[in-house]
C-alpha atoms as a PDB file:
ATOM      1  CA  UNK A   1       1.129  32.497  -5.407  1.00  0.00           C
ATOM      2  CA  UNK A   2      -1.119  30.456  -3.072  1.00  0.00           C
ATOM      3  CA  UNK A   3      -0.136  30.463   0.596  1.00  0.00           C
ATOM      4  CA  UNK A   4       0.402  27.182   2.430  1.00  0.00           C
ATOM      5  CA  UNK A   5      -1.482  26.839   5.703  1.00  0.00           C
ATOM      6  CA  UNK A   6       0.003  25.299   8.839  1.00  0.00           C
ATOM      7  CA  UNK A   7      -2.303  22.301   8.467  1.00  0.00           C
ATOM      8  CA  UNK A   8      -1.124  21.691   4.907  1.00  0.00           C
ATOM      9  CA  UNK A   9       2.504  22.060   5.928  1.00  0.00           C
ATOM     10  CA  UNK A  10       2.010  19.646   8.820  1.00  0.00           C
ATOM     11  CA  UNK A  11       0.332  17.133   6.498  1.00  0.00           C
ATOM     12  CA  UNK A  12       3.183  17.361   3.982  1.00  0.00           C
ATOM     13  CA  UNK A  13       5.830  16.887   6.674  1.00  0.00           C
ATOM     14  CA  UNK A  14       3.932  13.883   7.997  1.00  0.00           C
ATOM     15  CA  UNK A  15       3.730  12.403   4.487  1.00  0.00           C
ATOM     16  CA  UNK A  16       7.484  12.699   3.982  1.00  0.00           C
ATOM     17  CA  UNK A  17       8.145  11.177   7.405  1.00  0.00           C
ATOM     18  CA  UNK A  18       5.939   8.175   6.662  1.00  0.00           C
ATOM     19  CA  UNK A  19       7.450   7.805   3.180  1.00  0.00           C
ATOM     20  CA  UNK A  20      10.908   7.669   4.770  1.00  0.00           C
ATOM     21  CA  UNK A  21       9.801   5.046   7.312  1.00  0.00           C
ATOM     22  CA  UNK A  22       8.100   2.995   4.603  1.00  0.00           C
ATOM     23  CA  UNK A  23      11.241   3.057   2.472  1.00  0.00           C
ATOM     24  CA  UNK A  24      13.247   1.963   5.497  1.00  0.00           C
ATOM     25  CA  UNK A  25      11.069  -1.149   5.854  1.00  0.00           C
ATOM     26  CA  UNK A  26      11.373  -1.815   2.113  1.00  0.00           C
ATOM     27  CA  UNK A  27      15.167  -1.424   2.153  1.00  0.00           C
ATOM     28  CA  UNK A  28      15.633  -3.717   5.148  1.00  0.00           C
ATOM     29  CA  UNK A  29      13.512  -6.354   3.448  1.00  0.00           C
ATOM     30  CA  UNK A  30      15.803  -6.293   0.426  1.00  0.00           C
ATOM     31  CA  UNK A  31      19.167  -5.882   2.156  1.00  0.00           C
ATOM     32  CA  UNK A  32      18.638  -8.372   4.983  1.00  0.00           C
ATOM     33  CA  UNK A  33      16.448 -11.064   3.433  1.00  0.00           C
ATOM     34  CA  UNK A  34      16.013 -10.963  -0.351  1.00  0.00           C
ATOM     35  CA  UNK A  35      19.459 -10.082  -1.713  1.00  0.00           C
ATOM     36  CA  UNK A  36      21.542 -12.457   0.459  1.00  0.00           C
ATOM     37  CA  UNK A  37      19.271 -15.368  -0.475  1.00  0.00           C
ATOM     38  CA  UNK A  38      19.251 -14.413  -4.180  1.00  0.00           C
ATOM     39  CA  UNK A  39      15.487 -13.857  -4.236  1.00  0.00           C
ATOM     40  CA  UNK A  40      14.044 -11.446  -6.769  1.00  0.00           C
ATOM     41  CA  UNK A  41      10.644  -9.911  -7.372  1.00  0.00           C
ATOM     42  CA  UNK A  42       9.060  -7.358  -9.683  1.00  0.00           C
ATOM     43  CA  UNK A  43       9.527  -3.651 -10.225  1.00  0.00           C
ATOM     44  CA  UNK A  44      12.651  -1.737 -11.071  1.00  0.00           C
ATOM     45  CA  UNK A  45      14.168  -3.025  -7.840  1.00  0.00           C
ATOM     46  CA  UNK A  46      13.627  -6.534  -9.174  1.00  0.00           C
ATOM     47  CA  UNK A  47      15.333  -5.592 -12.436  1.00  0.00           C
ATOM     48  CA  UNK A  48      18.195  -4.129 -10.415  1.00  0.00           C
ATOM     49  CA  UNK A  49      18.419  -7.345  -8.385  1.00  0.00           C
ATOM     50  CA  UNK A  50      18.669  -9.475 -11.554  1.00  0.00           C
ATOM     51  CA  UNK A  51      21.444  -7.221 -12.878  1.00  0.00           C
ATOM     52  CA  UNK A  52      23.098  -7.427  -9.469  1.00  0.00           C
ATOM     53  CA  UNK A  53      23.048 -11.242  -9.411  1.00  0.00           C
ATOM     54  CA  UNK A  54      24.330 -11.469 -12.983  1.00  0.00           C
ATOM     55  CA  UNK A  55      27.048  -8.801 -13.020  1.00  0.00           C
ATOM     56  CA  UNK A  56      27.602  -7.501  -9.497  1.00  0.00           C
ATOM     57  CA  UNK A  57      26.513  -3.990 -10.513  1.00  0.00           C
ATOM     58  CA  UNK A  58      25.047  -2.424  -7.331  1.00  0.00           C
ATOM     59  CA  UNK A  59      21.247  -2.722  -7.173  1.00  0.00           C
ATOM     60  CA  UNK A  60      20.756   0.858  -5.990  1.00  0.00           C
ATOM     61  CA  UNK A  61      22.376   2.334  -9.101  1.00  0.00           C
ATOM     62  CA  UNK A  62      20.361   0.176 -11.527  1.00  0.00           C
ATOM     63  CA  UNK A  63      17.225   1.205  -9.638  1.00  0.00           C
ATOM     64  CA  UNK A  64      18.171   4.886  -9.803  1.00  0.00           C
ATOM     65  CA  UNK A  65      19.038   4.933 -13.515  1.00  0.00           C
ATOM     66  CA  UNK A  66      15.837   3.144 -14.602  1.00  0.00           C
ATOM     67  CA  UNK A  67      13.642   5.404 -12.493  1.00  0.00           C
ATOM     68  CA  UNK A  68      15.370   8.549 -13.700  1.00  0.00           C
ATOM     69  CA  UNK A  69      14.287   7.602 -17.217  1.00  0.00           C
ATOM     70  CA  UNK A  70      10.714   6.727 -16.157  1.00  0.00           C
ATOM     71  CA  UNK A  71      10.280   9.945 -14.187  1.00  0.00           C
ATOM     72  CA  UNK A  72      10.901  12.051 -17.270  1.00  0.00           C
ATOM     73  CA  UNK A  73       7.704  10.566 -18.737  1.00  0.00           C
ATOM     74  CA  UNK A  74       5.659  10.627 -15.504  1.00  0.00           C
ATOM     75  CA  UNK A  75       5.858  14.244 -14.326  1.00  0.00           C
ATOM     76  CA  UNK A  76       3.089  15.591 -16.555  1.00  0.00           C
ATOM     77  CA  UNK A  77       0.680  12.716 -15.835  1.00  0.00           C
ATOM     78  CA  UNK A  78       1.122  12.383 -12.074  1.00  0.00           C
ATOM     79  CA  UNK A  79       1.310  16.067 -11.272  1.00  0.00           C
ATOM     80  CA  UNK A  80       4.055  18.097  -9.607  1.00  0.00           C
ATOM     81  CA  UNK A  81       3.230  17.218  -6.002  1.00  0.00           C
ATOM     82  CA  UNK A  82       3.167  13.466  -6.642  1.00  0.00           C
ATOM     83  CA  UNK A  83       6.301  13.734  -8.763  1.00  0.00           C
ATOM     84  CA  UNK A  84       8.163  15.646  -6.054  1.00  0.00           C
ATOM     85  CA  UNK A  85       7.368  12.939  -3.525  1.00  0.00           C
ATOM     86  CA  UNK A  86       8.265  10.208  -5.983  1.00  0.00           C
ATOM     87  CA  UNK A  87      11.576  11.911  -6.787  1.00  0.00           C
ATOM     88  CA  UNK A  88      12.259  12.186  -3.059  1.00  0.00           C
ATOM     89  CA  UNK A  89      11.410   8.496  -2.624  1.00  0.00           C
ATOM     90  CA  UNK A  90      13.723   7.466  -5.480  1.00  0.00           C
ATOM     91  CA  UNK A  91      16.695   9.345  -4.022  1.00  0.00           C
ATOM     92  CA  UNK A  92      15.916   8.172  -0.479  1.00  0.00           C
ATOM     93  CA  UNK A  93      15.487   4.526  -1.496  1.00  0.00           C
ATOM     94  CA  UNK A  94      18.734   4.629  -3.496  1.00  0.00           C
ATOM     95  CA  UNK A  95      20.502   5.885  -0.375  1.00  0.00           C
ATOM     96  CA  UNK A  96      18.813   3.441   2.000  1.00  0.00           C
ATOM     97  CA  UNK A  97      19.467   0.405  -0.222  1.00  0.00           C
ATOM     98  CA  UNK A  98      23.156   1.347  -0.126  1.00  0.00           C
ATOM     99  CA  UNK A  99      23.105   2.101   3.621  1.00  0.00           C
ATOM    100  CA  UNK A 100      21.351  -1.048   4.812  1.00  0.00           C
ATOM    101  CA  UNK A 101      23.547  -3.306   2.705  1.00  0.00           C
ATOM    102  CA  UNK A 102      26.449  -1.909   4.735  1.00  0.00           C
ATOM    103  CA  UNK A 103      24.674  -2.024   8.103  1.00  0.00           C
ATOM    104  CA  UNK A 104      23.161  -5.479   7.703  1.00  0.00           C
ATOM    105  CA  UNK A 105      25.709  -7.364   5.638  1.00  0.00           C
ATOM    106  CA  UNK A 106      28.784  -5.123   5.783  1.00  0.00           C
ATOM    107  CA  UNK A 107      29.201  -4.881   2.017  1.00  0.00           C
ATOM    108  CA  UNK A 108      28.659  -2.332  -0.691  1.00  0.00           C
ATOM    109  CA  UNK A 109      29.259  -4.294  -3.859  1.00  0.00           C
ATOM    110  CA  UNK A 110      28.138  -7.806  -4.709  1.00  0.00           C
ATOM    111  CA  UNK A 111      29.104 -10.238  -1.896  1.00  0.00           C
ATOM    112  CA  UNK A 112      30.542 -13.707  -2.227  1.00  0.00           C
ATOM    113  CA  UNK A 113      27.366 -15.662  -3.042  1.00  0.00           C
ATOM    114  CA  UNK A 114      28.952 -19.083  -2.810  1.00  0.00           C
ATOM    115  CA  UNK A 115      27.335 -21.373  -0.209  1.00  0.00           C
ATOM    116  CA  UNK A 116      30.208 -20.802   2.239  1.00  0.00           C
ATOM    117  CA  UNK A 117      30.729 -17.142   1.585  1.00  0.00           C
ATOM    118  CA  UNK A 118      27.431 -15.268   1.402  1.00  0.00           C
ATOM    119  CA  UNK A 119      26.323 -13.432   4.548  1.00  0.00           C
ATOM    120  CA  UNK A 120      23.014 -14.931   5.679  1.00  0.00           C
ATOM    121  CA  UNK A 121      21.050 -13.361   8.505  1.00  0.00           C
ATOM    122  CA  UNK A 122      18.845 -16.426   9.061  1.00  0.00           C
ATOM    123  CA  UNK A 123      21.485 -19.068   8.304  1.00  0.00           C
ATOM    124  CA  UNK A 124      21.752 -21.700   5.626  1.00  0.00           C
ATOM    125  CA  UNK A 125      18.640 -23.290   4.121  1.00  0.00           C
ATOM    126  CA  UNK A 126      16.250 -20.571   5.286  1.00  0.00           C
ATOM    127  CA  UNK A 127      15.284 -19.328   1.823  1.00  0.00           C
ATOM    128  CA  UNK A 128      11.563 -19.797   2.460  1.00  0.00           C
ATOM    129  CA  UNK A 129      11.602 -17.853   5.711  1.00  0.00           C
ATOM    130  CA  UNK A 130      13.715 -15.115   4.147  1.00  0.00           C
ATOM    131  CA  UNK A 131      11.231 -14.931   1.261  1.00  0.00           C
ATOM    132  CA  UNK A 132       8.267 -14.494   3.632  1.00  0.00           C
ATOM    133  CA  UNK A 133       9.898 -11.985   5.976  1.00  0.00           C
ATOM    134  CA  UNK A 134      11.522  -9.957   3.202  1.00  0.00           C
ATOM    135  CA  UNK A 135       8.324  -9.804   1.143  1.00  0.00           C
ATOM    136  CA  UNK A 136       6.250  -8.804   4.184  1.00  0.00           C
ATOM    137  CA  UNK A 137       8.652  -5.961   5.001  1.00  0.00           C
ATOM    138  CA  UNK A 138       8.579  -4.793   1.383  1.00  0.00           C
ATOM    139  CA  UNK A 139       4.778  -4.949   1.268  1.00  0.00           C
ATOM    140  CA  UNK A 140       4.421  -2.967   4.494  1.00  0.00           C
ATOM    141  CA  UNK A 141       6.896  -0.392   3.221  1.00  0.00           C
ATOM    142  CA  UNK A 142       5.112   0.045  -0.103  1.00  0.00           C
ATOM    143  CA  UNK A 143       1.734   0.294   1.643  1.00  0.00           C
ATOM    144  CA  UNK A 144       2.954   3.056   3.944  1.00  0.00           C
ATOM    145  CA  UNK A 145       4.493   4.928   1.002  1.00  0.00           C
ATOM    146  CA  UNK A 146       1.294   4.721  -1.094  1.00  0.00           C
ATOM    147  CA  UNK A 147      -0.895   5.783   1.849  1.00  0.00           C
ATOM    148  CA  UNK A 148       1.298   8.889   2.091  1.00  0.00           C
ATOM    149  CA  UNK A 149       0.676   9.746  -1.594  1.00  0.00           C
ATOM    150  CA  UNK A 150       4.150   8.649  -2.597  1.00  0.00           C
ATOM    151  CA  UNK A 151       5.661   6.022  -4.846  1.00  0.00           C
ATOM    152  CA  UNK A 152       8.936   4.112  -5.099  1.00  0.00           C
ATOM    153  CA  UNK A 153       8.928   4.567  -8.861  1.00  0.00           C
ATOM    154  CA  UNK A 154       9.157   1.964 -11.613  1.00  0.00           C
ATOM    155  CA  UNK A 155       6.074  -0.207 -12.010  1.00  0.00           C
ATOM    156  CA  UNK A 156       4.657   1.675  -9.017  1.00  0.00           C
ATOM    157  CA  UNK A 157       4.529   4.761 -11.240  1.00  0.00           C
ATOM    158  CA  UNK A 158       2.617   2.836 -13.910  1.00  0.00           C
ATOM    159  CA  UNK A 159       0.234   1.422 -11.285  1.00  0.00           C
ATOM    160  CA  UNK A 160      -0.312   4.839  -9.717  1.00  0.00           C
ATOM    161  CA  UNK A 161      -1.200   6.359 -13.108  1.00  0.00           C
ATOM    162  CA  UNK A 162      -3.791   3.645 -13.796  1.00  0.00           C
ATOM    163  CA  UNK A 163      -5.137   3.811 -10.235  1.00  0.00           C
ATOM    164  CA  UNK A 164      -5.595   7.563 -10.653  1.00  0.00           C
ATOM    165  CA  UNK A 165      -8.203   7.047 -13.378  1.00  0.00           C
ATOM    166  CA  UNK A 166      -9.542   3.530 -12.760  1.00  0.00           C
ATOM    167  CA  UNK A 167     -10.704   1.619  -9.687  1.00  0.00           C
ATOM    168  CA  UNK A 168      -7.962  -1.031  -9.868  1.00  0.00           C
ATOM    169  CA  UNK A 169      -6.130  -2.160  -6.730  1.00  0.00           C
ATOM    170  CA  UNK A 170      -2.485  -1.212  -6.658  1.00  0.00           C
ATOM    171  CA  UNK A 171      -1.297  -4.676  -5.661  1.00  0.00           C
ATOM    172  CA  UNK A 172      -2.965  -6.395  -8.621  1.00  0.00           C
ATOM    173  CA  UNK A 173      -1.757  -3.791 -11.076  1.00  0.00           C
ATOM    174  CA  UNK A 174       1.839  -4.086  -9.901  1.00  0.00           C
ATOM    175  CA  UNK A 175       1.556  -7.873 -10.002  1.00  0.00           C
ATOM    176  CA  UNK A 176       0.461  -7.789 -13.650  1.00  0.00           C
ATOM    177  CA  UNK A 177       3.423  -5.571 -14.560  1.00  0.00           C
ATOM    178  CA  UNK A 178       5.978  -7.707 -12.721  1.00  0.00           C
ATOM    179  CA  UNK A 179       5.355 -11.257 -13.980  1.00  0.00           C
ATOM    180  CA  UNK A 180       7.783 -10.890 -16.894  1.00  0.00           C
ATOM    181  CA  UNK A 181      10.527  -9.497 -14.651  1.00  0.00           C
ATOM    182  CA  UNK A 182      10.360 -12.440 -12.256  1.00  0.00           C
ATOM    183  CA  UNK A 183      10.253 -15.036 -15.021  1.00  0.00           C
ATOM    184  CA  UNK A 184      13.374 -13.526 -16.573  1.00  0.00           C
ATOM    185  CA  UNK A 185      15.462 -14.491 -13.531  1.00  0.00           C
ATOM    186  CA  UNK A 186      15.395 -18.056 -14.880  1.00  0.00           C
ATOM    187  CA  UNK A 187      17.929 -16.982 -17.514  1.00  0.00           C
ATOM    188  CA  UNK A 188      20.341 -15.984 -14.717  1.00  0.00           C
ATOM    189  CA  UNK A 189      20.024 -18.990 -12.410  1.00  0.00           C
ATOM    190  CA  UNK A 190      18.545 -21.611 -14.788  1.00  0.00           C
ATOM    191  CA  UNK A 191      16.560 -22.727 -11.770  1.00  0.00           C
ATOM    192  CA  UNK A 192      12.750 -22.714 -11.692  1.00  0.00           C
ATOM    193  CA  UNK A 193      12.940 -22.780  -7.913  1.00  0.00           C
ATOM    194  CA  UNK A 194      14.181 -19.192  -7.985  1.00  0.00           C
ATOM    195  CA  UNK A 195      11.298 -18.221 -10.243  1.00  0.00           C
ATOM    196  CA  UNK A 196       8.822 -19.809  -7.821  1.00  0.00           C
ATOM    197  CA  UNK A 197      10.402 -17.933  -4.911  1.00  0.00           C
ATOM    198  CA  UNK A 198      10.025 -14.749  -6.936  1.00  0.00           C
ATOM    199  CA  UNK A 199       6.310 -15.328  -7.518  1.00  0.00           C
ATOM    200  CA  UNK A 200       5.739 -16.200  -3.858  1.00  0.00           C
ATOM    201  CA  UNK A 201       7.500 -12.979  -2.895  1.00  0.00           C
ATOM    202  CA  UNK A 202       5.394 -11.022  -5.377  1.00  0.00           C
ATOM    203  CA  UNK A 203       2.167 -12.536  -4.059  1.00  0.00           C
ATOM    204  CA  UNK A 204       3.031 -11.722  -0.446  1.00  0.00           C
ATOM    205  CA  UNK A 205       4.045  -8.154  -1.326  1.00  0.00           C
ATOM    206  CA  UNK A 206       0.803  -7.628  -3.271  1.00  0.00           C
ATOM    207  CA  UNK A 207      -1.328  -9.110  -0.480  1.00  0.00           C
ATOM    208  CA  UNK A 208       0.317  -7.061   2.273  1.00  0.00           C
ATOM    209  CA  UNK A 209       0.257  -3.919   0.122  1.00  0.00           C
ATOM    210  CA  UNK A 210      -3.466  -4.250  -0.563  1.00  0.00           C
ATOM    211  CA  UNK A 211      -4.131  -4.915   3.119  1.00  0.00           C
ATOM    212  CA  UNK A 212      -2.172  -1.858   4.276  1.00  0.00           C
ATOM    213  CA  UNK A 213      -3.683   0.453   1.633  1.00  0.00           C
ATOM    214  CA  UNK A 214      -7.274  -0.784   1.899  1.00  0.00           C
ATOM    215  CA  UNK A 215      -7.374  -1.183   5.688  1.00  0.00           C
ATOM    216  CA  UNK A 216      -7.126   2.580   6.008  1.00  0.00           C
ATOM    217  CA  UNK A 217     -10.015   3.046   3.548  1.00  0.00           C
ATOM    218  CA  UNK A 218     -12.411   0.181   4.270  1.00  0.00           C
ATOM    219  CA  UNK A 219     -15.909   1.565   4.571  1.00  0.00           C
ATOM    220  CA  UNK A 220     -19.241   0.157   5.686  1.00  0.00           C
ATOM    221  CA  UNK A 221     -22.869   1.093   5.149  1.00  0.00           C
ATOM    222  CA  UNK A 222     -25.472   0.987   7.912  1.00  0.00           C
ATOM    223  CA  UNK A 223     -29.242   0.796   7.503  1.00  0.00           C
ATOM    224  CA  UNK A 224     -30.786   1.574  10.867  1.00  0.00           C
ATOM    225  CA  UNK A 225     -34.504   1.089  11.617  1.00  0.00           C
ATOM    226  CA  UNK A 226     -35.639   2.616  14.916  1.00  0.00           C
ATOM    227  CA  UNK A 227     -38.418   4.680  16.436  1.00  0.00           C
ATOM    228  CA  UNK A 228     -35.686   6.772  18.038  1.00  0.00           C
ATOM    229  CA  UNK A 229     -34.205   7.594  14.667  1.00  0.00           C
ATOM    230  CA  UNK A 230     -33.913  11.316  15.385  1.00  0.00           C
ATOM    231  CA  UNK A 231     -31.868  10.800  18.573  1.00  0.00           C
ATOM    232  CA  UNK A 232     -29.663   8.223  16.871  1.00  0.00           C
ATOM    233  CA  UNK A 233     -29.079  10.510  13.876  1.00  0.00           C
ATOM    234  CA  UNK A 234     -28.129  13.429  16.117  1.00  0.00           C
ATOM    235  CA  UNK A 235     -25.676  11.332  18.145  1.00  0.00           C
ATOM    236  CA  UNK A 236     -24.049   9.797  15.076  1.00  0.00           C
ATOM    237  CA  UNK A 237     -23.587  13.225  13.496  1.00  0.00           C
ATOM    238  CA  UNK A 238     -22.138  14.812  16.628  1.00  0.00           C
ATOM    239  CA  UNK A 239     -20.010  11.953  17.981  1.00  0.00           C
ATOM    240  CA  UNK A 240     -18.731  10.151  14.895  1.00  0.00           C
ATOM    241  CA  UNK A 241     -18.801  13.131  12.507  1.00  0.00           C
ATOM    242  CA  UNK A 242     -20.478  10.999   9.828  1.00  0.00           C
ATOM    243  CA  UNK A 243     -23.358  12.174   7.684  1.00  0.00           C
ATOM    244  CA  UNK A 244     -26.791  10.600   8.119  1.00  0.00           C
ATOM    245  CA  UNK A 245     -29.546  10.372   5.493  1.00  0.00           C
ATOM    246  CA  UNK A 246     -33.147   9.741   6.570  1.00  0.00           C
ATOM    247  CA  UNK A 247     -35.326   7.787   4.150  1.00  0.00           C
ATOM    248  CA  UNK A 248     -39.068   7.180   4.291  1.00  0.00           C
ATOM    249  CA  UNK A 249     -40.065   3.518   4.190  1.00  0.00           C
ATOM    250  CA  UNK A 250     -43.048   1.250   4.647  1.00  0.00           C
ATOM    251  CA  UNK A 251     -43.011  -1.992   6.595  1.00  0.00           C
ATOM    252  CA  UNK A 252     -44.858  -4.284   4.195  1.00  0.00           C
ATOM    253  CA  UNK A 253     -45.959  -6.740   6.874  1.00  0.00           C
ATOM    254  CA  UNK A 254     -47.213  -4.113   9.346  1.00  0.00           C
ATOM    255  CA  UNK A 255     -48.055  -1.488   6.679  1.00  0.00           C
ATOM    256  CA  UNK A 256     -46.593   1.109   9.051  1.00  0.00           C
ATOM    257  CA  UNK A 257     -44.483   4.050   7.958  1.00  0.00           C
ATOM    258  CA  UNK A 258     -40.876   3.825   9.154  1.00  0.00           C
ATOM    259  CA  UNK A 259     -37.793   6.000   9.023  1.00  0.00           C
ATOM    260  CA  UNK A 260     -34.572   4.454   7.759  1.00  0.00           C
ATOM    261  CA  UNK A 261     -31.169   5.927   8.593  1.00  0.00           C
ATOM    262  CA  UNK A 262     -28.418   5.452   6.014  1.00  0.00           C
ATOM    263  CA  UNK A 263     -24.909   5.931   7.358  1.00  0.00           C
ATOM    264  CA  UNK A 264     -21.596   5.534   5.542  1.00  0.00           C
ATOM    265  CA  UNK A 265     -18.591   5.237   7.842  1.00  0.00           C
ATOM    266  CA  UNK A 266     -15.118   3.799   8.081  1.00  0.00           C
ATOM    267  CA  UNK A 267     -14.960   0.198   9.237  1.00  0.00           C
ATOM    268  CA  UNK A 268     -13.034   1.177  12.348  1.00  0.00           C
ATOM    269  CA  UNK A 269     -16.073   3.230  13.458  1.00  0.00           C
ATOM    270  CA  UNK A 270     -18.431   0.224  13.382  1.00  0.00           C
ATOM    271  CA  UNK A 271     -18.158  -0.666  17.067  1.00  0.00           C
ATOM    272  CA  UNK A 272     -18.692   2.954  18.086  1.00  0.00           C
ATOM    273  CA  UNK A 273     -21.888   3.187  15.994  1.00  0.00           C
ATOM    274  CA  UNK A 274     -23.249  -0.127  17.300  1.00  0.00           C
ATOM    275  CA  UNK A 275     -22.674   0.961  20.903  1.00  0.00           C
ATOM    276  CA  UNK A 276     -24.263   4.324  20.236  1.00  0.00           C
ATOM    277  CA  UNK A 277     -27.407   2.792  18.700  1.00  0.00           C
ATOM    278  CA  UNK A 278     -27.711   0.200  21.460  1.00  0.00           C
ATOM    279  CA  UNK A 279     -27.477   2.865  24.170  1.00  0.00           C
ATOM    280  CA  UNK A 280     -30.469   4.688  22.638  1.00  0.00           C
ATOM    281  CA  UNK A 281     -32.619   1.822  21.329  1.00  0.00           C
ATOM    282  CA  UNK A 282     -31.558  -1.748  22.204  1.00  0.00           C
ATOM    283  CA  UNK A 283     -34.358  -3.056  19.961  1.00  0.00           C
ATOM    284  CA  UNK A 284     -33.228  -1.206  16.855  1.00  0.00           C
ATOM    285  CA  UNK A 285     -32.871  -3.205  13.627  1.00  0.00           C
ATOM    286  CA  UNK A 286     -29.461  -2.674  12.021  1.00  0.00           C
ATOM    287  CA  UNK A 287     -27.989  -3.910   8.779  1.00  0.00           C
ATOM    288  CA  UNK A 288     -24.255  -3.510   8.182  1.00  0.00           C
ATOM    289  CA  UNK A 289     -22.593  -4.205   4.841  1.00  0.00           C
ATOM    290  CA  UNK A 290     -19.150  -3.607   3.374  1.00  0.00           C
ATOM    291  CA  UNK A 291     -18.882  -1.268   0.409  1.00  0.00           C
ATOM    292  CA  UNK A 292     -16.194  -1.375  -2.265  1.00  0.00           C
ATOM    293  CA  UNK A 293     -15.572   2.356  -2.277  1.00  0.00           C
ATOM    294  CA  UNK A 294     -16.991   5.569  -0.859  1.00  0.00           C
ATOM    295  CA  UNK A 295     -16.128   8.805  -2.627  1.00  0.00           C
ATOM    296  CA  UNK A 296     -16.938  12.365  -1.727  1.00  0.00           C
ATOM    297  CA  UNK A 297     -16.618  14.666   1.262  1.00  0.00           C
ATOM    298  CA  UNK A 298     -15.062  12.919   4.232  1.00  0.00           C
ATOM    299  CA  UNK A 299     -13.914   9.937   2.158  1.00  0.00           C
ATOM    300  CA  UNK A 300     -11.766   9.391  -0.958  1.00  0.00           C
ATOM    301  CA  UNK A 301     -11.767  11.809  -3.871  1.00  0.00           C
ATOM    302  CA  UNK A 302     -13.662  10.781  -6.996  1.00  0.00           C
ATOM    303  CA  UNK A 303     -11.185   9.423  -9.566  1.00  0.00           C
ATOM    304  CA  UNK A 304     -12.382   9.827 -13.137  1.00  0.00           C
ATOM    305  CA  UNK A 305     -10.876  11.112 -16.361  1.00  0.00           C
END
């Protein structure tokens, strides 16, 4: 049986902590802003919300039942570690959806949703603001959960499976799976305005999710031309802990041989690299470009079948 190192244990504990915090943001978004204003979106939570609006059956139990079924099919594909975290997230989100409905709106079951009776945190006529704030909180929560190698289940499970083998952004994949769910809320309210609110919510969640997930992984490529290439390469390797590749080149105008440094780094390290190069050779020629993905040691793992 393989032993677990302290570093691995610390990383796992940190993942579960961030998953819990992400689910807290997601739950507050639903309990405080989306449910009271009868706004729905995609995923199994969206299905639970539609059932909730139509019958009063608590959203957390619909969410739990649907995901329990999906998880039976997902364990083999996603692997035991992912499945354990997803199972944890499903139980934790079920609990937090129940908890924050009590804390925020002081109800457990479906509230009085008449204009004079429903508890509204932002007041009457603030559906648009509730849509924006609730969707942003949900998007942030999902992004934190995905960055911690977790999932809230449902269409997130489907998206995570596809993302495991193909370079498809999670936000777009979830959006494609959720269009039908949002459109179906028309049969509950018979109001296209609710459908539009659902799509706006979905768009904001997808945008925020992609931003949170990709901001931690955005990478850039540097091409550095300098006579002091050796000093620059040494400093970059030691101070930024990024690999440097030296290529031989020829300046076609001058016909002189030049050395070209190729550096792949995270976007957040850009300023540090620029300052480092400038301190050694202020006249260096630098090209910086964004790259779609960097895979290998020090970056993301290669995802192929």
